[in-house]
N, C-alpha and C. Protein backbone atom coordinates (compact mmCIF):
# COMPACT_ATOMS: atom_id res chain seq x y z
N MET A 1 13.42 -2.28 8.92
CA MET A 1 12.55 -1.49 9.10
C MET A 1 11.26 -2.82 9.79
N ILE A 2 10.16 -2.66 10.64
CA ILE A 2 9.55 -3.54 10.26
C ILE A 2 8.28 -2.80 10.63
N LEU A 3 7.41 -3.81 9.41
CA LEU A 3 6.08 -3.13 9.60
C LEU A 3 5.03 -4.66 8.57
N THR A 4 4.10 -4.01 10.04
CA THR A 4 3.01 -4.68 10.86
C THR A 4 1.93 -3.76 11.30
N THR A 5 0.44 -5.27 10.23
CA THR A 5 -0.76 -4.12 10.67
C THR A 5 -1.09 -4.25 12.23
N THR A 6 0.10 -5.30 12.98
CA THR A 6 -0.77 -5.04 14.99
C THR A 6 -0.49 -3.80 15.30
N PRO A 7 -1.18 -4.20 16.17
CA PRO A 7 -0.70 -2.34 17.50
C PRO A 7 0.68 -2.33 17.59
N SER A 8 1.27 -4.01 17.71
CA SER A 8 2.80 -3.91 18.63
C SER A 8 3.20 -5.18 18.36
N LEU A 9 4.50 -5.13 18.91
CA LEU A 9 5.30 -5.85 17.88
C LEU A 9 6.07 -7.47 19.16
N GLU A 10 5.71 -7.97 19.55
CA GLU A 10 5.95 -9.28 20.08
C GLU A 10 7.58 -9.49 20.87
N GLY A 11 7.09 -9.31 22.29
CA GLY A 11 9.23 -9.43 22.76
C GLY A 11 9.50 -7.71 22.05
N ARG A 12 9.05 -7.41 21.89
CA ARG A 12 10.09 -5.45 21.86
C ARG A 12 8.97 -4.69 21.89
N ARG A 13 9.69 -3.86 22.94
CA ARG A 13 8.71 -2.51 23.53
C ARG A 13 8.79 -1.37 22.58
N ILE A 14 7.97 -0.67 22.56
CA ILE A 14 7.66 0.64 21.70
C ILE A 14 8.69 1.37 22.55
N VAL A 15 9.41 2.35 22.73
CA VAL A 15 10.04 3.66 23.34
C VAL A 15 9.17 4.87 22.91
N GLU A 16 9.01 5.37 21.42
CA GLU A 16 8.57 6.27 21.48
C GLU A 16 7.76 6.46 20.16
N TYR A 17 7.00 6.91 20.20
CA TYR A 17 6.04 7.11 18.85
C TYR A 17 5.91 8.62 18.06
N ARG A 18 6.09 8.28 16.61
CA ARG A 18 7.01 9.69 16.26
C ARG A 18 5.84 10.14 15.33
N GLY A 19 4.89 9.23 14.63
CA GLY A 19 3.78 10.20 14.30
C GLY A 19 3.25 9.03 13.35
N ILE A 20 2.34 9.51 12.80
CA ILE A 20 1.71 8.66 11.82
C ILE A 20 2.04 8.68 9.74
N VAL A 21 1.98 7.97 9.92
CA VAL A 21 2.99 8.36 8.49
C VAL A 21 2.28 7.56 7.23
N THR A 22 2.12 7.62 5.80
CA THR A 22 1.54 7.27 5.07
C THR A 22 1.80 7.61 3.53
N GLY A 23 1.40 6.88 2.99
CA GLY A 23 2.08 6.55 1.19
C GLY A 23 1.05 5.85 0.62
N GLU A 24 0.89 6.97 -0.62
CA GLU A 24 -0.10 6.95 -1.91
C GLU A 24 0.55 6.37 -2.91
N ALA A 25 -0.19 5.77 -4.51
CA ALA A 25 -0.12 5.18 -5.24
C ALA A 25 -1.08 5.79 -5.78
N ILE A 26 -1.06 6.35 -7.26
CA ILE A 26 -2.08 5.85 -8.48
C ILE A 26 -1.66 5.54 -9.42
N MET A 27 -1.82 4.51 -10.10
CA MET A 27 -2.08 4.02 -10.96
C MET A 27 -2.39 4.01 -11.75
N GLY A 28 -2.28 4.24 -13.78
CA GLY A 28 -3.60 4.49 -14.44
C GLY A 28 -3.31 3.14 -15.25
N ALA A 29 -4.26 2.58 -15.72
CA ALA A 29 -4.70 1.82 -15.91
C ALA A 29 -4.65 1.89 -17.60
N ASN A 30 -3.94 0.70 -18.34
CA ASN A 30 -3.38 0.69 -19.53
C ASN A 30 -5.19 0.55 -20.78
N ILE A 31 -5.45 1.19 -22.07
CA ILE A 31 -6.25 0.78 -22.13
C ILE A 31 -7.01 -0.11 -22.78
N PHE A 32 -5.75 -1.14 -23.33
CA PHE A 32 -5.93 -2.39 -23.57
C PHE A 32 -5.83 -3.04 -22.40
N ARG A 33 -5.52 -2.81 -21.62
CA ARG A 33 -5.48 -4.23 -20.64
C ARG A 33 -6.86 -4.14 -20.19
N ASP A 34 -7.19 -2.85 -20.28
CA ASP A 34 -8.77 -3.09 -19.54
C ASP A 34 -9.92 -3.14 -20.64
N PHE A 35 -9.36 -3.74 -21.84
CA PHE A 35 -10.41 -4.21 -22.69
C PHE A 35 -10.15 -6.16 -22.57
N PHE A 36 -9.07 -6.24 -22.47
CA PHE A 36 -8.52 -7.73 -22.21
C PHE A 36 -9.21 -8.41 -20.79
N ALA A 37 -8.87 -7.20 -19.85
CA ALA A 37 -8.92 -7.65 -18.36
C ALA A 37 -11.17 -7.82 -18.65
N GLY A 38 -11.56 -6.87 -19.17
CA GLY A 38 -13.22 -7.32 -19.27
C GLY A 38 -13.51 -7.72 -19.69
N ILE A 39 -12.61 -8.54 -20.96
CA ILE A 39 -13.08 -9.45 -22.16
C ILE A 39 -12.72 -10.72 -20.63
N ARG A 40 -11.62 -11.45 -19.92
CA ARG A 40 -10.58 -12.36 -19.52
C ARG A 40 -12.64 -12.56 -18.44
N ASP A 41 -12.97 -11.11 -17.20
CA ASP A 41 -14.37 -10.92 -16.67
C ASP A 41 -14.74 -11.91 -16.73
N ILE A 42 -15.48 -11.19 -17.90
CA ILE A 42 -16.68 -11.63 -18.60
C ILE A 42 -17.08 -13.66 -18.78
N VAL A 43 -15.49 -13.45 -19.37
CA VAL A 43 -15.42 -15.54 -19.33
C VAL A 43 -15.41 -16.07 -18.56
N GLY A 44 -14.22 -15.05 -17.19
CA GLY A 44 -13.61 -16.18 -15.96
C GLY A 44 -12.43 -15.77 -16.32
N GLY A 45 -12.07 -16.08 -15.09
CA GLY A 45 -10.68 -16.04 -14.61
C GLY A 45 -9.73 -14.86 -14.12
N ARG A 46 -8.68 -15.09 -14.16
CA ARG A 46 -7.82 -13.55 -12.93
C ARG A 46 -7.17 -12.44 -14.15
N SER A 47 -7.23 -11.83 -14.36
CA SER A 47 -6.92 -10.56 -14.32
C SER A 47 -5.28 -10.05 -14.19
N ALA A 48 -3.79 -11.77 -14.83
CA ALA A 48 -2.23 -11.00 -14.66
C ALA A 48 -2.21 -9.52 -14.53
N ALA A 49 -2.34 -8.82 -15.50
CA ALA A 49 -2.10 -7.50 -16.13
C ALA A 49 -2.72 -6.87 -14.33
N TYR A 50 -3.86 -7.09 -14.04
CA TYR A 50 -4.41 -5.64 -13.34
C TYR A 50 -3.94 -6.35 -11.30
N GLU A 51 -3.61 -7.39 -11.36
CA GLU A 51 -2.80 -7.78 -10.18
C GLU A 51 -1.50 -8.08 -10.05
N LYS A 52 -0.86 -7.42 -11.63
CA LYS A 52 0.67 -7.12 -11.55
C LYS A 52 0.74 -5.04 -10.61
N GLU A 53 -0.23 -4.99 -11.39
CA GLU A 53 -0.39 -3.34 -11.69
C GLU A 53 -0.92 -3.87 -10.04
N LEU A 54 -1.49 -3.55 -9.63
CA LEU A 54 -1.97 -3.63 -7.59
C LEU A 54 -1.23 -4.25 -6.79
N ASP A 55 0.10 -5.20 -7.62
CA ASP A 55 1.00 -5.23 -6.43
C ASP A 55 2.25 -4.39 -6.64
N ARG A 56 1.96 -3.74 -7.51
CA ARG A 56 3.01 -2.54 -7.80
C ARG A 56 2.57 -1.54 -6.87
N ALA A 57 1.11 -0.84 -7.25
CA ALA A 57 0.94 -0.21 -6.32
C ALA A 57 1.16 -0.04 -5.10
N ARG A 58 0.95 -1.31 -4.83
CA ARG A 58 1.18 -1.74 -2.92
C ARG A 58 2.99 -1.41 -2.66
N GLN A 59 3.80 -2.10 -3.67
CA GLN A 59 4.61 -1.66 -3.32
C GLN A 59 5.14 0.02 -3.03
N VAL A 60 4.34 0.38 -3.79
CA VAL A 60 4.99 1.92 -4.06
C VAL A 60 3.94 2.74 -2.95
N ALA A 61 3.37 2.95 -2.36
CA ALA A 61 2.80 2.79 -1.06
C ALA A 61 4.07 2.73 -0.28
N MET A 62 3.67 1.67 0.42
CA MET A 62 4.42 0.78 1.47
C MET A 62 6.11 1.48 1.00
N GLU A 63 6.75 1.55 0.35
CA GLU A 63 8.20 2.30 0.01
C GLU A 63 7.86 3.55 1.24
N GLU A 64 7.64 4.57 0.59
CA GLU A 64 6.69 5.46 -0.01
C GLU A 64 6.50 5.75 2.12
N MET A 65 5.76 5.15 2.26
CA MET A 65 5.44 5.35 3.81
C MET A 65 6.63 5.01 4.55
N GLU A 66 6.89 3.83 4.23
CA GLU A 66 9.17 3.03 4.74
C GLU A 66 9.58 4.81 5.12
N ALA A 67 9.61 5.61 3.41
CA ALA A 67 10.95 6.74 3.97
C ALA A 67 10.32 7.08 4.53
N ARG A 68 9.39 7.98 4.15
CA ARG A 68 8.35 8.93 5.91
C ARG A 68 9.00 8.43 6.90
N ALA A 69 8.51 6.70 7.12
CA ALA A 69 8.81 6.48 8.95
C ALA A 69 11.06 7.22 9.24
N LYS A 70 11.51 6.26 8.44
CA LYS A 70 12.57 6.28 8.29
C LYS A 70 13.07 8.07 8.69
N HIS A 71 12.77 9.04 7.65
CA HIS A 71 13.13 9.79 8.06
C HIS A 71 12.42 11.21 9.52
N LEU A 72 11.84 10.12 9.80
CA LEU A 72 11.92 10.64 11.86
C LEU A 72 11.62 9.27 12.09
N GLY A 73 12.54 8.93 12.36
CA GLY A 73 13.85 8.16 12.81
C GLY A 73 12.84 7.19 13.50
N ALA A 74 12.66 6.41 13.05
CA ALA A 74 11.29 5.29 13.34
C ALA A 74 12.22 4.27 12.90
N ASP A 75 11.95 3.66 13.51
CA ASP A 75 12.78 1.61 13.26
C ASP A 75 11.43 0.92 13.07
N ALA A 76 10.32 1.21 13.53
CA ALA A 76 9.08 0.59 12.28
C ALA A 76 7.96 1.23 12.58
N VAL A 77 6.35 0.86 12.33
CA VAL A 77 5.83 0.90 11.66
C VAL A 77 4.68 0.52 12.23
N VAL A 78 3.79 0.55 13.26
CA VAL A 78 2.61 -0.91 14.06
C VAL A 78 1.66 0.23 12.95
N GLY A 79 0.41 -1.00 13.20
CA GLY A 79 -0.66 -0.14 12.32
C GLY A 79 -1.23 -0.28 11.92
N ILE A 80 -1.01 -0.29 10.63
CA ILE A 80 -0.49 -0.41 9.13
C ILE A 80 -1.94 -1.08 8.85
N ASP A 81 -2.61 0.30 7.80
CA ASP A 81 -3.56 -0.36 7.27
C ASP A 81 -4.06 0.00 5.65
N LEU A 82 -5.22 -1.34 5.04
CA LEU A 82 -3.36 -0.39 3.52
C LEU A 82 -5.50 -0.06 3.23
N ASP A 83 -5.07 0.53 2.19
CA ASP A 83 -7.19 0.61 1.31
C ASP A 83 -6.72 0.77 0.18
N TYR A 84 -7.54 0.41 -1.17
CA TYR A 84 -7.89 0.31 -2.51
C TYR A 84 -9.43 1.13 -2.45
N GLU A 85 -8.93 1.76 -3.93
CA GLU A 85 -10.29 2.88 -4.40
C GLU A 85 -9.65 2.36 -5.74
N VAL A 86 -10.41 2.39 -6.83
CA VAL A 86 -10.95 2.96 -7.65
C VAL A 86 -11.64 4.04 -8.35
N ILE A 87 -10.45 5.23 -8.71
CA ILE A 87 -10.77 6.31 -9.28
C ILE A 87 -10.66 6.73 -10.56
N GLY A 88 -11.36 8.11 -11.27
CA GLY A 88 -11.46 8.39 -12.44
C GLY A 88 -12.67 7.77 -13.39
N GLN A 89 -12.76 8.44 -14.40
CA GLN A 89 -13.61 8.04 -15.07
C GLN A 89 -13.56 6.71 -15.72
N ALA A 90 -14.96 6.07 -15.32
CA ALA A 90 -14.76 4.74 -15.93
C ALA A 90 -13.75 3.38 -15.03
N GLY A 91 -13.18 4.11 -13.63
CA GLY A 91 -12.34 3.36 -13.22
C GLY A 91 -11.14 2.82 -13.91
N SER A 92 -10.63 4.07 -14.72
CA SER A 92 -9.36 4.16 -15.24
C SER A 92 -8.22 4.39 -14.40
N MET A 93 -8.01 4.37 -13.00
CA MET A 93 -6.91 4.92 -11.90
C MET A 93 -6.93 3.69 -10.72
N LEU A 94 -6.23 3.48 -10.35
CA LEU A 94 -6.19 2.46 -8.99
C LEU A 94 -5.68 3.31 -7.51
N MET A 95 -5.79 3.09 -6.85
CA MET A 95 -4.72 4.40 -5.89
C MET A 95 -5.05 3.38 -4.73
N VAL A 96 -3.84 3.26 -3.76
CA VAL A 96 -3.41 2.52 -2.92
C VAL A 96 -3.27 3.48 -1.82
N SER A 97 -3.93 3.05 -0.55
CA SER A 97 -3.00 4.02 0.02
C SER A 97 -2.73 3.80 1.43
N VAL A 98 -1.99 3.74 2.59
CA VAL A 98 -1.35 3.06 3.32
C VAL A 98 -1.07 4.16 4.12
N SER A 99 -1.32 3.96 5.73
CA SER A 99 -1.10 4.07 6.94
C SER A 99 -0.65 3.51 8.20
N GLY A 100 0.00 4.42 9.22
CA GLY A 100 0.62 3.41 10.46
C GLY A 100 1.11 4.83 11.15
N THR A 101 1.74 3.87 12.21
CA THR A 101 2.02 5.15 13.34
C THR A 101 3.70 4.43 13.46
N ALA A 102 4.37 5.05 13.18
CA ALA A 102 6.17 5.31 13.01
C ALA A 102 6.69 5.04 14.14
N VAL A 103 7.55 3.97 14.92
CA VAL A 103 7.46 4.35 16.53
C VAL A 103 8.81 4.17 16.37
N THR A 104 9.90 3.79 17.10
CA THR A 104 11.01 3.79 18.04
C THR A 104 10.84 2.15 18.67
N ILE A 105 12.11 1.01 18.76
CA ILE A 105 11.42 0.36 19.48
C ILE A 105 12.95 -0.02 20.63
N GLU A 106 13.04 -1.00 21.39
CA GLU A 106 14.57 -1.57 22.08
C GLU A 106 13.89 -2.85 21.63
């Protein structure tokens, strides 16, 4: 399946719009990772634990959206938008949501 943030596919023609598809992932952050990430933020540097969790959340959300597009009989999803939010008390949860338009191409 082709997944793209662009509204069209170069060299391919969209023949049918199947509908809007979405995917969401909400991941909890471990308290120890939170603590050490906070220390790293104070002294500088990157938080590998958060980067890994963010990557995992994005992957889960994209896979969910792709599965919904396949269920509709789509060949591709165009116009994908990714959104990131921190939710919960003290930002204890990470949410990634994706949406796009499922299409059939030739």
